[in-house]
């Protein structure tokens, strides 16, 4: 398999960290691709009509995207404990955490557009503040709702990779006043899967 990847994408990193945690990383060739709404990448568009990474290319089968679907697919390929719980409240909690993590990354990207990526004359401060509020509310929710002592699942991977990216991009801080979340995150960052997939690089628009 081949993973179309970007070294500074929280979504792509989530899929690759999942592959490491599932014991599948050695079966995947990682190929870096720069993408942005203003920078068309023909190789990525050929596999994903949204023009975004990550994309998992399979031999003889259609490509799979986005990160949520890639993780779900990878969870069917290993023989260990499923990282996406199959049923009950454990499943819905893991998927809910994954959804919050996805929203964190989405909101963080929008804050960056209104802070550094959009030409200054076109920035909309009220929109930036609105998305910043989503980040702060989500940090507070995670401080209360994160199941820090539960067995590893996809929600943990999604939250850790989103928070790591937010810190990498120097977006609004999640550390102040959230000791449970910070202790869990700092420990998670030391996992081999995270150390093997460091964030790097700048966005090209």
N, C-alpha and C. Protein backbone atom coordinates (compact mmCIF):
# COMPACT_ATOMS: atom_id res chain seq x y z
N UNK A 1 0.85 -1.19 0.00
CA UNK A 1 0.00 0.00 0.00
C UNK A 1 0.88 1.24 0.00
N UNK A 2 0.32 2.33 -0.48
CA UNK A 2 1.03 3.60 -0.53
C UNK A 2 0.14 4.67 0.12
N UNK A 3 0.74 5.48 1.00
CA UNK A 3 0.01 6.54 1.66
C UNK A 3 0.50 7.88 1.14
N UNK A 4 -0.38 8.61 0.44
CA UNK A 4 -0.07 9.98 0.03
C UNK A 4 -0.19 10.84 1.28
N UNK A 5 0.86 11.55 1.61
CA UNK A 5 1.08 12.08 2.94
C UNK A 5 1.56 13.53 2.87
N UNK A 6 1.46 14.21 3.98
CA UNK A 6 2.05 15.55 4.11
C UNK A 6 2.59 15.66 5.53
N UNK A 7 3.85 16.05 5.66
CA UNK A 7 4.51 16.00 6.96
C UNK A 7 3.99 17.05 7.94
N UNK A 8 3.16 17.97 7.48
CA UNK A 8 2.59 18.96 8.39
C UNK A 8 1.06 18.92 8.37
N UNK A 9 0.51 17.76 8.06
CA UNK A 9 -0.95 17.58 8.09
C UNK A 9 -1.35 16.77 9.31
N UNK A 10 -2.22 17.30 10.17
CA UNK A 10 -2.68 16.50 11.31
C UNK A 10 -3.51 15.29 10.88
N UNK A 11 -4.21 15.43 9.77
CA UNK A 11 -5.05 14.33 9.29
C UNK A 11 -4.19 13.18 8.77
N UNK A 12 -3.19 13.51 7.96
CA UNK A 12 -2.31 12.47 7.44
C UNK A 12 -1.55 11.80 8.57
N UNK A 13 -1.08 12.59 9.53
CA UNK A 13 -0.34 12.00 10.64
C UNK A 13 -1.22 11.06 11.45
N UNK A 14 -2.47 11.40 11.62
CA UNK A 14 -3.38 10.50 12.35
C UNK A 14 -3.41 9.13 11.70
N UNK A 15 -3.55 9.09 10.38
CA UNK A 15 -3.60 7.82 9.68
C UNK A 15 -2.30 7.03 9.84
N UNK A 16 -1.17 7.73 9.80
CA UNK A 16 0.11 7.04 9.90
C UNK A 16 0.38 6.57 11.32
N UNK A 17 0.04 7.38 12.31
CA UNK A 17 0.17 6.94 13.71
C UNK A 17 -0.70 5.71 13.94
N UNK A 18 -1.91 5.72 13.40
CA UNK A 18 -2.80 4.56 13.52
C UNK A 18 -2.13 3.33 12.92
N UNK A 19 -1.52 3.49 11.75
CA UNK A 19 -0.84 2.36 11.10
C UNK A 19 0.27 1.82 12.00
N UNK A 20 1.03 2.70 12.61
CA UNK A 20 2.08 2.25 13.53
C UNK A 20 1.48 1.49 14.71
N UNK A 21 0.44 2.04 15.31
CA UNK A 21 -0.16 1.41 16.48
C UNK A 21 -0.80 0.06 16.14
N UNK A 22 -1.25 -0.08 14.90
CA UNK A 22 -1.85 -1.35 14.46
C UNK A 22 -0.81 -2.35 13.96
N UNK A 23 0.46 -1.95 13.95
CA UNK A 23 1.50 -2.85 13.48
C UNK A 23 1.56 -3.00 11.97
N UNK A 24 1.07 -1.98 11.25
CA UNK A 24 0.98 -2.07 9.78
C UNK A 24 1.92 -1.12 9.06
N UNK A 25 2.68 -0.33 9.78
CA UNK A 25 3.47 0.73 9.14
C UNK A 25 4.45 0.18 8.11
N UNK A 26 5.01 -1.00 8.37
CA UNK A 26 6.00 -1.55 7.45
C UNK A 26 5.38 -1.98 6.12
N UNK A 27 4.06 -2.09 6.07
CA UNK A 27 3.38 -2.48 4.83
C UNK A 27 3.01 -1.26 3.98
N UNK A 28 3.33 -0.06 4.45
CA UNK A 28 2.88 1.15 3.79
C UNK A 28 4.08 1.98 3.34
N UNK A 29 4.09 2.34 2.07
CA UNK A 29 5.08 3.28 1.55
C UNK A 29 4.51 4.68 1.68
N UNK A 30 5.22 5.56 2.37
CA UNK A 30 4.76 6.92 2.61
C UNK A 30 5.37 7.84 1.55
N UNK A 31 4.51 8.57 0.83
CA UNK A 31 4.95 9.47 -0.23
C UNK A 31 4.43 10.87 0.07
N UNK A 32 5.35 11.82 0.27
CA UNK A 32 4.95 13.17 0.64
C UNK A 32 4.41 13.93 -0.58
N UNK A 33 3.30 14.65 -0.35
CA UNK A 33 2.71 15.52 -1.38
C UNK A 33 2.27 16.82 -0.73
N UNK A 34 2.66 17.93 -1.33
CA UNK A 34 2.17 19.22 -0.87
C UNK A 34 0.81 19.51 -1.50
N UNK A 35 -0.14 19.88 -0.66
CA UNK A 35 -1.47 20.27 -1.14
C UNK A 35 -1.95 21.49 -0.39
N UNK A 36 -2.84 22.22 -1.01
CA UNK A 36 -3.48 23.38 -0.40
C UNK A 36 -4.65 23.75 -1.31
N UNK A 37 -5.67 24.45 -0.77
CA UNK A 37 -6.76 24.89 -1.64
C UNK A 37 -6.30 25.76 -2.80
N UNK A 38 -5.13 26.41 -2.65
CA UNK A 38 -4.63 27.29 -3.70
C UNK A 38 -3.46 26.69 -4.47
N UNK A 39 -3.13 25.43 -4.20
CA UNK A 39 -2.01 24.77 -4.86
C UNK A 39 -2.47 23.39 -5.33
N UNK A 40 -2.83 23.30 -6.60
CA UNK A 40 -3.37 22.05 -7.12
C UNK A 40 -2.25 21.02 -7.28
N UNK A 41 -2.49 19.82 -6.77
CA UNK A 41 -1.55 18.71 -6.90
C UNK A 41 -2.23 17.64 -7.75
N UNK A 42 -1.77 17.51 -8.98
CA UNK A 42 -2.45 16.62 -9.92
C UNK A 42 -2.40 15.16 -9.47
N UNK A 43 -1.29 14.73 -8.87
CA UNK A 43 -1.18 13.34 -8.43
C UNK A 43 -2.21 13.02 -7.36
N UNK A 44 -2.46 13.97 -6.47
CA UNK A 44 -3.45 13.75 -5.42
C UNK A 44 -4.86 13.81 -5.99
N UNK A 45 -5.13 14.79 -6.85
CA UNK A 45 -6.46 14.86 -7.47
C UNK A 45 -6.78 13.61 -8.27
N UNK A 46 -5.78 12.95 -8.82
CA UNK A 46 -6.02 11.73 -9.59
C UNK A 46 -6.56 10.61 -8.71
N UNK A 47 -6.32 10.70 -7.40
CA UNK A 47 -6.77 9.65 -6.48
C UNK A 47 -7.93 10.10 -5.58
N UNK A 48 -8.06 11.40 -5.37
CA UNK A 48 -9.07 11.93 -4.47
C UNK A 48 -9.65 13.20 -5.09
N UNK A 49 -10.93 13.23 -5.42
CA UNK A 49 -11.50 14.40 -6.09
C UNK A 49 -11.48 15.67 -5.22
N UNK A 50 -11.23 15.50 -3.93
CA UNK A 50 -11.10 16.67 -3.05
C UNK A 50 -9.69 17.24 -3.07
N UNK A 51 -8.76 16.54 -3.68
CA UNK A 51 -7.40 17.04 -3.80
C UNK A 51 -6.65 17.12 -2.48
N UNK A 52 -7.01 16.27 -1.53
CA UNK A 52 -6.45 16.35 -0.18
C UNK A 52 -5.76 15.04 0.19
N UNK A 53 -4.78 15.15 1.09
CA UNK A 53 -4.20 13.98 1.72
C UNK A 53 -4.75 13.90 3.15
N UNK A 54 -4.74 12.68 3.74
CA UNK A 54 -4.12 11.45 3.25
C UNK A 54 -5.01 10.70 2.28
N UNK A 55 -4.34 9.93 1.43
CA UNK A 55 -5.01 9.00 0.53
C UNK A 55 -4.25 7.68 0.62
N UNK A 56 -4.97 6.60 0.81
CA UNK A 56 -4.36 5.27 0.85
C UNK A 56 -4.61 4.59 -0.48
N UNK A 57 -3.53 4.29 -1.18
CA UNK A 57 -3.62 3.63 -2.48
C UNK A 57 -3.40 2.14 -2.29
N UNK A 58 -4.35 1.35 -2.78
CA UNK A 58 -4.30 -0.11 -2.64
C UNK A 58 -4.10 -0.74 -4.00
N UNK A 59 -3.39 -1.84 -4.02
CA UNK A 59 -3.15 -2.56 -5.28
C UNK A 59 -4.44 -3.22 -5.74
N UNK A 60 -4.89 -2.86 -6.94
CA UNK A 60 -6.06 -3.50 -7.52
C UNK A 60 -7.39 -3.08 -6.95
N UNK A 61 -7.39 -2.09 -6.07
CA UNK A 61 -8.64 -1.62 -5.45
C UNK A 61 -8.67 -0.09 -5.48
N UNK A 62 -9.86 0.50 -5.35
CA UNK A 62 -9.92 1.97 -5.34
C UNK A 62 -9.18 2.57 -4.17
N UNK A 63 -8.69 3.78 -4.35
CA UNK A 63 -8.04 4.51 -3.27
C UNK A 63 -9.05 4.83 -2.17
N UNK A 64 -8.54 4.97 -0.94
CA UNK A 64 -9.38 5.27 0.22
C UNK A 64 -8.96 6.62 0.81
N UNK A 65 -9.93 7.43 1.15
CA UNK A 65 -9.72 8.72 1.81
C UNK A 65 -10.99 9.01 2.58
N UNK A 66 -11.07 9.78 3.64
CA UNK A 66 -10.03 10.55 4.28
C UNK A 66 -9.44 9.78 5.46
N UNK A 67 -8.90 10.48 6.47
CA UNK A 67 -8.21 9.80 7.56
C UNK A 67 -9.13 8.88 8.35
N UNK A 68 -10.38 9.28 8.59
CA UNK A 68 -11.30 8.43 9.35
C UNK A 68 -11.51 7.09 8.64
N UNK A 69 -11.71 7.15 7.32
CA UNK A 69 -11.97 5.94 6.56
C UNK A 69 -10.71 5.10 6.43
N UNK A 70 -9.56 5.74 6.27
CA UNK A 70 -8.30 5.01 6.22
C UNK A 70 -8.09 4.24 7.51
N UNK A 71 -8.32 4.90 8.66
CA UNK A 71 -8.16 4.22 9.94
C UNK A 71 -9.12 3.03 10.07
N UNK A 72 -10.36 3.23 9.66
CA UNK A 72 -11.33 2.14 9.72
C UNK A 72 -10.90 0.97 8.86
N UNK A 73 -10.36 1.26 7.68
CA UNK A 73 -9.88 0.19 6.80
C UNK A 73 -8.69 -0.52 7.41
N UNK A 74 -7.71 0.24 7.90
CA UNK A 74 -6.53 -0.38 8.49
C UNK A 74 -6.89 -1.27 9.67
N UNK A 75 -7.95 -0.90 10.39
CA UNK A 75 -8.34 -1.69 11.56
C UNK A 75 -8.84 -3.08 11.17
N UNK A 76 -9.15 -3.27 9.89
CA UNK A 76 -9.58 -4.60 9.42
C UNK A 76 -8.40 -5.46 8.98
N UNK A 77 -7.20 -4.92 8.96
CA UNK A 77 -6.06 -5.63 8.38
C UNK A 77 -5.13 -6.27 9.40
N UNK A 78 -5.32 -5.94 10.67
CA UNK A 78 -4.42 -6.51 11.68
C UNK A 78 -5.18 -7.49 12.57
N UNK A 79 -4.42 -8.24 13.36
CA UNK A 79 -5.02 -9.30 14.17
C UNK A 79 -4.98 -8.99 15.66
N UNK A 80 -4.60 -7.78 16.00
CA UNK A 80 -4.60 -7.38 17.40
C UNK A 80 -5.95 -6.88 17.84
N UNK A 81 -5.99 -6.30 19.04
CA UNK A 81 -7.23 -5.72 19.55
C UNK A 81 -7.66 -4.57 18.64
N UNK A 82 -8.93 -4.52 18.24
CA UNK A 82 -9.37 -3.42 17.39
C UNK A 82 -9.13 -2.07 18.05
N UNK A 83 -8.66 -1.11 17.27
CA UNK A 83 -8.45 0.24 17.78
C UNK A 83 -9.70 1.10 17.62
N UNK A 84 -10.67 0.60 16.91
CA UNK A 84 -11.99 1.23 16.83
C UNK A 84 -12.96 0.25 17.48
N UNK A 85 -13.41 0.51 18.71
CA UNK A 85 -14.29 -0.44 19.39
C UNK A 85 -15.49 -0.79 18.53
N UNK A 86 -15.88 -2.05 18.58
CA UNK A 86 -16.89 -2.55 17.66
C UNK A 86 -18.31 -2.20 18.07
N UNK A 87 -18.56 -2.00 19.35
CA UNK A 87 -19.94 -1.82 19.77
C UNK A 87 -20.02 -1.13 21.12
N UNK A 88 -21.23 -0.78 21.50
CA UNK A 88 -21.49 -0.22 22.82
C UNK A 88 -20.99 1.20 22.97
N UNK A 89 -21.05 1.69 24.21
CA UNK A 89 -20.65 3.06 24.48
C UNK A 89 -19.18 3.32 24.21
N UNK A 90 -18.36 2.27 24.33
CA UNK A 90 -16.93 2.46 24.03
C UNK A 90 -16.74 2.91 22.59
N UNK A 91 -17.52 2.33 21.68
CA UNK A 91 -17.43 2.72 20.26
C UNK A 91 -17.83 4.18 20.08
N UNK A 92 -18.97 4.55 20.64
CA UNK A 92 -19.47 5.90 20.42
C UNK A 92 -18.57 6.94 21.09
N UNK A 93 -17.98 6.59 22.21
CA UNK A 93 -17.07 7.53 22.86
C UNK A 93 -15.81 7.73 22.02
N UNK A 94 -15.24 6.65 21.51
CA UNK A 94 -14.04 6.77 20.68
C UNK A 94 -14.32 7.59 19.43
N UNK A 95 -15.47 7.34 18.80
CA UNK A 95 -15.81 8.08 17.58
C UNK A 95 -16.14 9.54 17.89
N UNK A 96 -16.72 9.79 19.05
CA UNK A 96 -16.99 11.17 19.45
C UNK A 96 -15.69 11.94 19.66
N UNK A 97 -14.71 11.30 20.31
CA UNK A 97 -13.41 11.94 20.48
C UNK A 97 -12.76 12.21 19.12
N UNK A 98 -12.89 11.25 18.21
CA UNK A 98 -12.34 11.44 16.88
C UNK A 98 -12.99 12.65 16.20
N UNK A 99 -14.29 12.80 16.38
CA UNK A 99 -14.99 13.93 15.77
C UNK A 99 -14.53 15.26 16.36
N UNK A 100 -14.33 15.30 17.67
CA UNK A 100 -13.83 16.53 18.30
C UNK A 100 -12.43 16.84 17.79
N UNK A 101 -11.60 15.82 17.67
CA UNK A 101 -10.24 16.03 17.16
C UNK A 101 -10.26 16.57 15.73
N UNK A 102 -11.13 16.01 14.91
CA UNK A 102 -11.27 16.51 13.54
C UNK A 102 -11.69 17.98 13.55
N UNK A 103 -12.61 18.32 14.44
CA UNK A 103 -13.05 19.70 14.55
C UNK A 103 -11.94 20.62 15.04
N UNK A 104 -11.09 20.13 15.94
CA UNK A 104 -9.95 20.92 16.40
C UNK A 104 -9.03 21.27 15.23
N UNK A 105 -8.70 20.27 14.43
CA UNK A 105 -7.82 20.52 13.29
C UNK A 105 -8.49 21.45 12.29
N UNK A 106 -9.77 21.24 12.01
CA UNK A 106 -10.49 22.11 11.07
C UNK A 106 -10.50 23.56 11.56
N UNK A 107 -10.81 23.74 12.85
CA UNK A 107 -10.86 25.10 13.40
C UNK A 107 -9.48 25.73 13.41
N UNK A 108 -8.46 24.94 13.75
CA UNK A 108 -7.11 25.47 13.76
C UNK A 108 -6.66 25.96 12.39
N UNK A 109 -7.01 25.21 11.37
CA UNK A 109 -6.66 25.62 10.01
C UNK A 109 -7.36 26.93 9.67
N UNK A 110 -8.61 27.06 10.07
CA UNK A 110 -9.34 28.30 9.77
C UNK A 110 -8.76 29.48 10.54
N UNK A 111 -8.31 29.27 11.78
CA UNK A 111 -7.65 30.34 12.51
C UNK A 111 -6.38 30.76 11.79
N UNK A 112 -5.63 29.79 11.27
CA UNK A 112 -4.41 30.13 10.52
C UNK A 112 -4.71 30.92 9.26
N UNK A 113 -5.80 30.59 8.57
CA UNK A 113 -6.17 31.36 7.38
C UNK A 113 -6.41 32.82 7.74
N UNK A 114 -7.05 33.05 8.89
CA UNK A 114 -7.39 34.42 9.28
C UNK A 114 -6.27 35.10 10.06
N UNK A 115 -5.14 34.41 10.23
CA UNK A 115 -4.02 34.97 10.99
C UNK A 115 -2.78 35.15 10.14
N UNK A 116 -2.42 34.11 9.37
CA UNK A 116 -1.16 34.17 8.62
C UNK A 116 -1.28 33.79 7.15
N UNK A 117 -2.31 33.04 6.76
CA UNK A 117 -2.33 32.50 5.40
C UNK A 117 -3.05 33.41 4.41
N UNK A 118 -4.12 34.02 4.83
CA UNK A 118 -4.85 34.92 3.93
C UNK A 118 -4.12 36.27 3.88
N UNK A 119 -4.09 36.94 2.73
CA UNK A 119 -3.52 38.29 2.70
C UNK A 119 -4.13 39.17 3.78
N UNK A 120 -3.32 39.98 4.43
CA UNK A 120 -3.75 40.71 5.61
C UNK A 120 -5.02 41.53 5.36
N UNK A 121 -5.12 42.14 4.21
CA UNK A 121 -6.28 42.99 3.93
C UNK A 121 -7.58 42.21 3.83
N UNK A 122 -7.48 40.89 3.64
CA UNK A 122 -8.66 40.05 3.47
C UNK A 122 -9.02 39.27 4.73
N UNK A 123 -8.27 39.44 5.79
CA UNK A 123 -8.54 38.69 7.01
C UNK A 123 -9.77 39.22 7.73
N UNK A 124 -10.48 38.31 8.40
CA UNK A 124 -11.74 38.65 9.06
C UNK A 124 -11.59 38.31 10.54
N UNK A 125 -11.24 39.26 11.39
CA UNK A 125 -10.97 38.97 12.80
C UNK A 125 -12.13 38.29 13.53
N UNK A 126 -13.35 38.66 13.23
CA UNK A 126 -14.48 38.05 13.92
C UNK A 126 -14.56 36.55 13.63
N UNK A 127 -14.22 36.16 12.41
CA UNK A 127 -14.22 34.74 12.06
C UNK A 127 -13.10 34.02 12.81
N UNK A 128 -11.93 34.66 12.88
CA UNK A 128 -10.82 34.08 13.64
C UNK A 128 -11.23 33.85 15.10
N UNK A 129 -11.88 34.83 15.69
CA UNK A 129 -12.28 34.71 17.09
C UNK A 129 -13.33 33.61 17.27
N UNK A 130 -14.22 33.48 16.31
CA UNK A 130 -15.23 32.44 16.39
C UNK A 130 -14.62 31.05 16.38
N UNK A 131 -13.63 30.84 15.52
CA UNK A 131 -12.98 29.53 15.47
C UNK A 131 -12.06 29.32 16.66
N UNK A 132 -11.48 30.38 17.19
CA UNK A 132 -10.69 30.26 18.41
C UNK A 132 -11.57 29.80 19.57
N UNK A 133 -12.79 30.32 19.63
CA UNK A 133 -13.72 29.91 20.68
C UNK A 133 -14.02 28.41 20.59
N UNK A 134 -14.14 27.90 19.38
CA UNK A 134 -14.36 26.46 19.22
C UNK A 134 -13.18 25.66 19.78
N UNK A 135 -11.96 26.16 19.55
CA UNK A 135 -10.78 25.48 20.10
C UNK A 135 -10.83 25.47 21.63
N UNK A 136 -11.07 26.61 22.23
CA UNK A 136 -11.06 26.72 23.70
C UNK A 136 -12.14 25.84 24.31
N UNK A 137 -13.34 25.88 23.75
CA UNK A 137 -14.43 25.04 24.27
C UNK A 137 -14.09 23.56 24.15
N UNK A 138 -13.45 23.18 23.06
CA UNK A 138 -13.09 21.78 22.87
C UNK A 138 -11.98 21.35 23.83
N UNK A 139 -11.02 22.24 24.10
CA UNK A 139 -10.00 21.91 25.10
C UNK A 139 -10.65 21.65 26.45
N UNK A 140 -11.58 22.50 26.83
CA UNK A 140 -12.24 22.33 28.13
C UNK A 140 -13.04 21.03 28.16
N UNK A 141 -13.69 20.71 27.06
CA UNK A 141 -14.47 19.47 26.99
C UNK A 141 -13.54 18.26 27.13
N UNK A 142 -12.41 18.30 26.46
CA UNK A 142 -11.46 17.19 26.55
C UNK A 142 -10.91 17.03 27.96
N UNK A 143 -10.67 18.12 28.64
CA UNK A 143 -10.19 18.04 30.03
C UNK A 143 -11.15 17.22 30.89
N UNK A 144 -12.44 17.32 30.58
CA UNK A 144 -13.45 16.60 31.36
C UNK A 144 -13.78 15.23 30.79
N UNK A 145 -13.77 15.08 29.48
CA UNK A 145 -14.34 13.89 28.85
C UNK A 145 -13.32 12.87 28.34
N UNK A 146 -12.06 13.25 28.22
CA UNK A 146 -11.07 12.31 27.70
C UNK A 146 -10.91 11.13 28.65
N UNK A 147 -11.02 9.93 28.11
CA UNK A 147 -10.87 8.70 28.90
C UNK A 147 -9.39 8.31 28.94
N UNK A 148 -8.64 9.06 29.72
CA UNK A 148 -7.18 8.96 29.70
C UNK A 148 -6.67 7.58 30.10
N UNK A 149 -7.40 6.85 30.91
CA UNK A 149 -6.92 5.56 31.40
C UNK A 149 -7.47 4.37 30.61
N UNK A 150 -8.25 4.62 29.58
CA UNK A 150 -8.83 3.54 28.79
C UNK A 150 -7.78 2.95 27.85
N UNK A 151 -7.98 1.71 27.40
CA UNK A 151 -7.09 1.15 26.39
C UNK A 151 -7.06 2.03 25.14
N UNK A 152 -5.92 2.05 24.48
CA UNK A 152 -5.74 2.89 23.29
C UNK A 152 -6.83 2.66 22.25
N UNK A 153 -7.34 3.75 21.70
CA UNK A 153 -8.32 3.65 20.61
C UNK A 153 -8.14 4.81 19.65
N UNK A 154 -8.90 4.79 18.57
CA UNK A 154 -8.74 5.79 17.51
C UNK A 154 -8.97 7.21 18.01
N UNK A 155 -9.84 7.39 18.98
CA UNK A 155 -10.08 8.72 19.51
C UNK A 155 -8.84 9.31 20.15
N UNK A 156 -8.11 8.48 20.89
CA UNK A 156 -6.85 8.94 21.49
C UNK A 156 -5.87 9.38 20.41
N UNK A 157 -5.73 8.58 19.37
CA UNK A 157 -4.80 8.91 18.28
C UNK A 157 -5.20 10.22 17.62
N UNK A 158 -6.48 10.38 17.37
CA UNK A 158 -6.97 11.59 16.70
C UNK A 158 -6.73 12.83 17.57
N UNK A 159 -7.03 12.74 18.86
CA UNK A 159 -6.84 13.88 19.75
C UNK A 159 -5.36 14.23 19.87
N UNK A 160 -4.52 13.23 20.06
CA UNK A 160 -3.09 13.49 20.24
C UNK A 160 -2.48 14.14 19.01
N UNK A 161 -2.83 13.65 17.82
CA UNK A 161 -2.24 14.23 16.61
C UNK A 161 -2.79 15.62 16.33
N UNK A 162 -4.04 15.87 16.69
CA UNK A 162 -4.59 17.22 16.52
C UNK A 162 -3.92 18.20 17.48
N UNK A 163 -3.80 17.83 18.75
CA UNK A 163 -3.17 18.72 19.73
C UNK A 163 -1.71 18.97 19.38
N UNK A 164 -1.02 17.95 18.92
CA UNK A 164 0.38 18.10 18.55
C UNK A 164 0.52 19.11 17.41
N UNK A 165 -0.39 19.03 16.45
CA UNK A 165 -0.35 19.97 15.32
C UNK A 165 -0.67 21.39 15.77
N UNK A 166 -1.65 21.54 16.65
CA UNK A 166 -2.00 22.87 17.16
C UNK A 166 -0.81 23.52 17.86
N UNK A 167 -0.07 22.71 18.60
CA UNK A 167 1.10 23.25 19.27
C UNK A 167 2.21 23.54 18.25
N UNK A 168 2.38 22.67 17.27
CA UNK A 168 3.37 22.86 16.21
C UNK A 168 3.13 24.18 15.48
N UNK A 169 1.87 24.53 15.25
CA UNK A 169 1.52 25.76 14.54
C UNK A 169 1.34 26.96 15.47
N UNK A 170 1.63 26.78 16.76
CA UNK A 170 1.53 27.87 17.74
C UNK A 170 0.15 28.50 17.74
N UNK A 171 -0.85 27.66 17.71
CA UNK A 171 -2.24 28.11 17.77
C UNK A 171 -2.67 28.21 19.23
N UNK A 172 -3.87 28.71 19.52
CA UNK A 172 -4.25 28.96 20.91
C UNK A 172 -3.94 27.78 21.84
N UNK A 173 -3.36 28.11 22.97
CA UNK A 173 -2.79 27.13 23.91
C UNK A 173 -3.87 26.29 24.57
N UNK A 174 -3.57 24.99 24.73
CA UNK A 174 -4.49 24.10 25.45
C UNK A 174 -3.95 23.72 26.83
N UNK A 175 -2.76 24.15 27.19
CA UNK A 175 -2.11 23.68 28.41
C UNK A 175 -2.60 24.39 29.68
N UNK A 176 -2.84 25.66 29.58
CA UNK A 176 -3.19 26.45 30.77
C UNK A 176 -4.48 25.95 31.40
N UNK A 177 -4.40 25.50 32.67
CA UNK A 177 -5.60 25.12 33.42
C UNK A 177 -6.21 23.79 33.05
N UNK A 178 -5.49 22.95 32.32
CA UNK A 178 -6.05 21.63 31.92
C UNK A 178 -5.04 20.53 32.24
N UNK A 179 -4.81 20.27 33.52
CA UNK A 179 -3.75 19.34 33.92
C UNK A 179 -3.96 17.91 33.46
N UNK A 180 -5.22 17.43 33.46
CA UNK A 180 -5.47 16.05 33.03
C UNK A 180 -5.12 15.87 31.56
N UNK A 181 -5.57 16.79 30.75
CA UNK A 181 -5.34 16.72 29.32
C UNK A 181 -3.84 16.82 29.02
N UNK A 182 -3.16 17.73 29.69
CA UNK A 182 -1.74 17.95 29.42
C UNK A 182 -0.92 16.74 29.84
N UNK A 183 -1.20 16.16 31.00
CA UNK A 183 -0.45 14.99 31.46
C UNK A 183 -0.62 13.83 30.49
N UNK A 184 -1.86 13.62 30.05
CA UNK A 184 -2.11 12.53 29.09
C UNK A 184 -1.39 12.80 27.77
N UNK A 185 -1.49 14.02 27.26
CA UNK A 185 -0.89 14.35 25.97
C UNK A 185 0.63 14.21 26.02
N UNK A 186 1.26 14.72 27.06
CA UNK A 186 2.71 14.65 27.15
C UNK A 186 3.19 13.20 27.19
N UNK A 187 2.43 12.34 27.87
CA UNK A 187 2.78 10.92 27.88
C UNK A 187 2.58 10.29 26.51
N UNK A 188 1.49 10.65 25.84
CA UNK A 188 1.19 10.08 24.53
C UNK A 188 2.25 10.48 23.51
N UNK A 189 2.76 11.68 23.61
CA UNK A 189 3.77 12.16 22.66
C UNK A 189 5.05 11.31 22.70
N UNK A 190 5.26 10.57 23.78
CA UNK A 190 6.46 9.73 23.89
C UNK A 190 6.27 8.35 23.28
N UNK A 191 5.08 8.04 22.82
CA UNK A 191 4.86 6.73 22.20
C UNK A 191 5.70 6.61 20.93
N UNK A 192 6.20 5.41 20.63
CA UNK A 192 7.00 5.23 19.41
C UNK A 192 6.28 5.67 18.14
N UNK A 193 4.97 5.51 18.08
CA UNK A 193 4.21 5.91 16.88
C UNK A 193 4.28 7.41 16.65
N UNK A 194 4.29 8.20 17.73
CA UNK A 194 4.37 9.65 17.59
C UNK A 194 5.80 10.08 17.29
N UNK A 195 6.76 9.44 17.92
CA UNK A 195 8.16 9.80 17.70
C UNK A 195 8.61 9.43 16.30
N UNK A 196 7.96 8.45 15.70
CA UNK A 196 8.31 8.02 14.33
C UNK A 196 7.68 8.91 13.26
N UNK A 197 6.79 9.82 13.65
CA UNK A 197 6.03 10.61 12.67
C UNK A 197 6.08 12.10 13.01
N UNK A 198 7.25 12.68 13.19
CA UNK A 198 7.31 14.08 13.62
C UNK A 198 6.75 15.02 12.57
N UNK A 199 6.14 16.10 13.05
CA UNK A 199 5.66 17.14 12.15
C UNK A 199 6.82 18.00 11.68
N UNK A 200 6.76 18.43 10.42
CA UNK A 200 7.81 19.29 9.87
C UNK A 200 7.28 19.98 8.62
N UNK A 201 7.92 21.12 8.28
CA UNK A 201 7.60 21.79 7.03
C UNK A 201 6.60 22.91 7.15
N UNK A 202 6.50 23.68 6.09
CA UNK A 202 5.59 24.80 6.02
C UNK A 202 4.54 24.58 4.95
N UNK A 203 3.40 25.23 5.09
CA UNK A 203 2.35 25.15 4.09
C UNK A 203 2.72 26.01 2.88
N UNK A 204 2.49 25.51 1.70
CA UNK A 204 2.72 26.25 0.46
C UNK A 204 1.37 26.56 -0.17
N UNK A 205 1.03 27.83 -0.22
CA UNK A 205 -0.24 28.24 -0.85
C UNK A 205 0.02 28.88 -2.21
